Protein backbone atom coordinates (compact mmCIF):
# COMPACT_ATOMS: atom_id res chain seq x y z
CA UNK A 1 -5.11 14.71 14.13
CA UNK A 2 -4.16 10.95 15.17
CA UNK A 3 -0.85 9.67 15.71
CA UNK A 4 1.35 7.06 17.06
CA UNK A 5 -0.48 4.09 14.81
CA UNK A 6 1.35 0.64 14.18
CA UNK A 7 2.11 -0.71 11.62
CA UNK A 8 3.41 -4.31 9.77
CA UNK A 9 5.45 -4.36 7.07
CA UNK A 10 4.07 -7.01 4.59
CA UNK A 11 6.99 -9.20 2.84
CA UNK A 12 7.59 -8.44 -0.30
CA UNK A 13 7.49 -6.06 -3.02
CA UNK A 14 3.88 -5.58 -4.92
CA UNK A 15 3.53 -4.09 -7.91
CA UNK A 16 0.53 -1.74 -9.51
CA UNK A 17 -0.54 -3.02 -12.56
CA UNK A 18 -3.07 -1.81 -15.22
CA UNK A 19 -5.28 -2.53 -17.67
CA UNK A 20 -8.30 -1.92 -19.46
CA UNK A 21 -11.06 -0.69 -17.93
CA UNK A 22 -13.19 -3.63 -20.00
CA UNK A 23 -10.39 -5.93 -19.42
CA UNK A 24 -11.68 -9.50 -17.83
CA UNK A 25 -10.01 -9.30 -14.04
CA UNK A 26 -7.18 -12.58 -14.86
CA UNK A 27 -6.61 -15.09 -12.75
CA UNK A 28 -3.26 -13.80 -11.29
CA UNK A 29 -4.42 -11.37 -9.55
CA UNK A 30 -6.41 -13.62 -7.01
CA UNK A 31 -3.72 -15.48 -6.09
CA UNK A 32 -2.71 -16.33 -2.03
CA UNK A 33 -1.82 -13.02 0.05
CA UNK A 34 -2.47 -9.17 -0.44
CA UNK A 35 -4.59 -8.14 -3.49
CA UNK A 36 -6.41 -4.99 -4.33
CA UNK A 37 -8.90 -4.91 -7.30
CA UNK A 38 -10.36 -1.35 -8.31
CA UNK A 39 -12.21 -1.53 -11.86
CA UNK A 40 -13.20 3.13 -12.90
CA UNK A 41 -14.70 4.06 -16.25
CA UNK A 42 -11.22 4.18 -17.42
CA UNK A 43 -8.47 1.74 -16.12
CA UNK A 44 -8.39 -1.59 -13.94
CA UNK A 45 -5.83 -1.56 -11.77
CA UNK A 46 -4.84 -4.64 -9.71
CA UNK A 47 -1.83 -4.30 -6.45
CA UNK A 48 -0.77 -7.48 -5.75
CA UNK A 49 2.48 -8.90 -5.44
CA UNK A 50 5.26 -8.63 -7.77
CA UNK A 51 6.29 -11.67 -8.65
CA UNK A 52 2.04 -12.57 -9.73
CA UNK A 53 2.24 -9.60 -12.35
CA UNK A 54 2.85 -11.62 -15.83
CA UNK A 55 5.43 -9.78 -18.42
CA UNK A 56 4.56 -7.28 -20.78
CA UNK A 57 1.39 -6.44 -18.16
CA UNK A 58 1.51 -2.40 -18.14
CA UNK A 59 2.80 -1.94 -14.20
CA UNK A 60 5.18 0.08 -11.43
CA UNK A 61 7.38 -2.74 -9.81
CA UNK A 62 8.91 -1.96 -6.23
CA UNK A 63 6.68 -0.93 -3.82
CA UNK A 64 6.90 -1.84 -0.13
CA UNK A 65 3.27 -2.34 1.59
CA UNK A 66 2.91 -0.84 5.38
CA UNK A 67 -0.12 -2.08 6.64
CA UNK A 68 -1.62 -0.38 9.59
CA UNK A 69 -2.53 -2.50 12.44
CA UNK A 70 -6.31 -2.41 12.86
CA UNK A 71 -9.11 -2.45 13.02
CA UNK A 72 -9.46 1.23 12.47
CA UNK A 73 -12.86 2.73 13.62
CA UNK A 74 -14.91 4.30 10.59
CA UNK A 75 -15.32 7.50 12.44
CA UNK A 76 -11.45 7.45 12.71
CA UNK A 77 -10.66 10.67 11.80
CA UNK A 78 -6.85 12.22 10.59
CA UNK A 79 -5.44 8.27 10.40
CA UNK A 80 -4.01 8.86 6.86
CA UNK A 81 -2.67 12.82 7.44
CA UNK A 82 -0.75 11.67 10.24
CA UNK A 83 0.57 8.88 8.03
CA UNK A 84 1.21 10.84 4.50
CA UNK A 85 2.56 13.54 6.12
CA UNK A 86 5.18 13.07 7.40
CA UNK A 87 6.26 11.39 4.34
CA UNK A 88 5.15 14.42 2.06
CA UNK A 89 7.42 16.28 4.00
CA UNK A 90 10.33 13.59 3.57
CA UNK A 91 9.42 13.58 -0.39
CA UNK A 92 8.05 10.14 -0.61
CA UNK A 93 4.99 9.43 -3.04
CA UNK A 94 2.72 6.99 -1.50
CA UNK A 95 0.02 4.55 -3.11
CA UNK A 96 -2.66 4.43 -0.12
CA UNK A 97 -5.78 1.54 0.16
CA UNK A 98 -8.50 2.27 2.62
CA UNK A 99 -10.14 -1.30 3.35
CA UNK A 100 -13.18 -2.07 6.08
CA UNK A 101 -10.51 -2.75 8.84
CA UNK A 102 -7.50 -0.88 7.94
CA UNK A 103 -5.24 1.42 5.77
CA UNK A 104 -2.33 0.17 3.34
CA UNK A 105 0.93 2.44 2.49
CA UNK A 106 2.62 1.83 -0.66
CA UNK A 107 6.07 3.36 -0.80
CA UNK A 108 8.88 2.45 -3.37
CA UNK A 109 11.54 0.14 -2.46
CA UNK A 110 14.20 2.64 -2.93
CA UNK A 111 12.80 5.20 -0.72
CA UNK A 112 11.37 2.38 1.67
CA UNK A 113 14.07 3.30 4.81
CA UNK A 114 13.45 6.61 4.23
CA UNK A 115 9.91 6.62 4.51
CA UNK A 116 10.48 4.33 8.22
CA UNK A 117 12.26 6.83 9.49
CA UNK A 118 9.79 9.57 8.21
CA UNK A 119 7.11 7.64 10.27
CA UNK A 120 8.69 6.89 13.62
CA UNK A 121 10.08 10.29 13.74
CA UNK A 122 6.36 11.58 13.85
CA UNK A 123 5.63 8.86 16.39
CA UNK A 124 4.43 5.76 14.80
CA UNK A 125 6.25 1.87 15.51
CA UNK A 126 6.77 0.10 12.14
CA UNK A 127 7.40 -3.37 12.83
CA UNK A 128 8.14 -6.36 10.71
CA UNK A 129 5.45 -9.27 9.75
CA UNK A 130 6.25 -12.69 9.92
CA UNK A 131 3.65 -14.47 7.05
């Protein structure tokens, strides 16, 4: 299992928004900074800065983002498990998003300090990012 990853904290609070499966991707989803857009047969999910999501959109707010410093090799084994298992042990829920180069973990802001402690106890290093 992989261990000892370096993670940066992305500034700000993030939201996970849910639109109907057939919804057009809204312009607010593309604003600067991190965003992830995923369509399934049953929904359109958008993860982005919380302040970008307009009122009235179904969403969960208050997530903090931890980004694994990459790039990570595609054949790397155990990356997510080495991050998620300590958080599960601390009873912290997560949303994970993987990209070509890295993995990002979104944790509830109210549990952020506990998440950092759990990750650091597991041998990972968490640093505040400057953007």
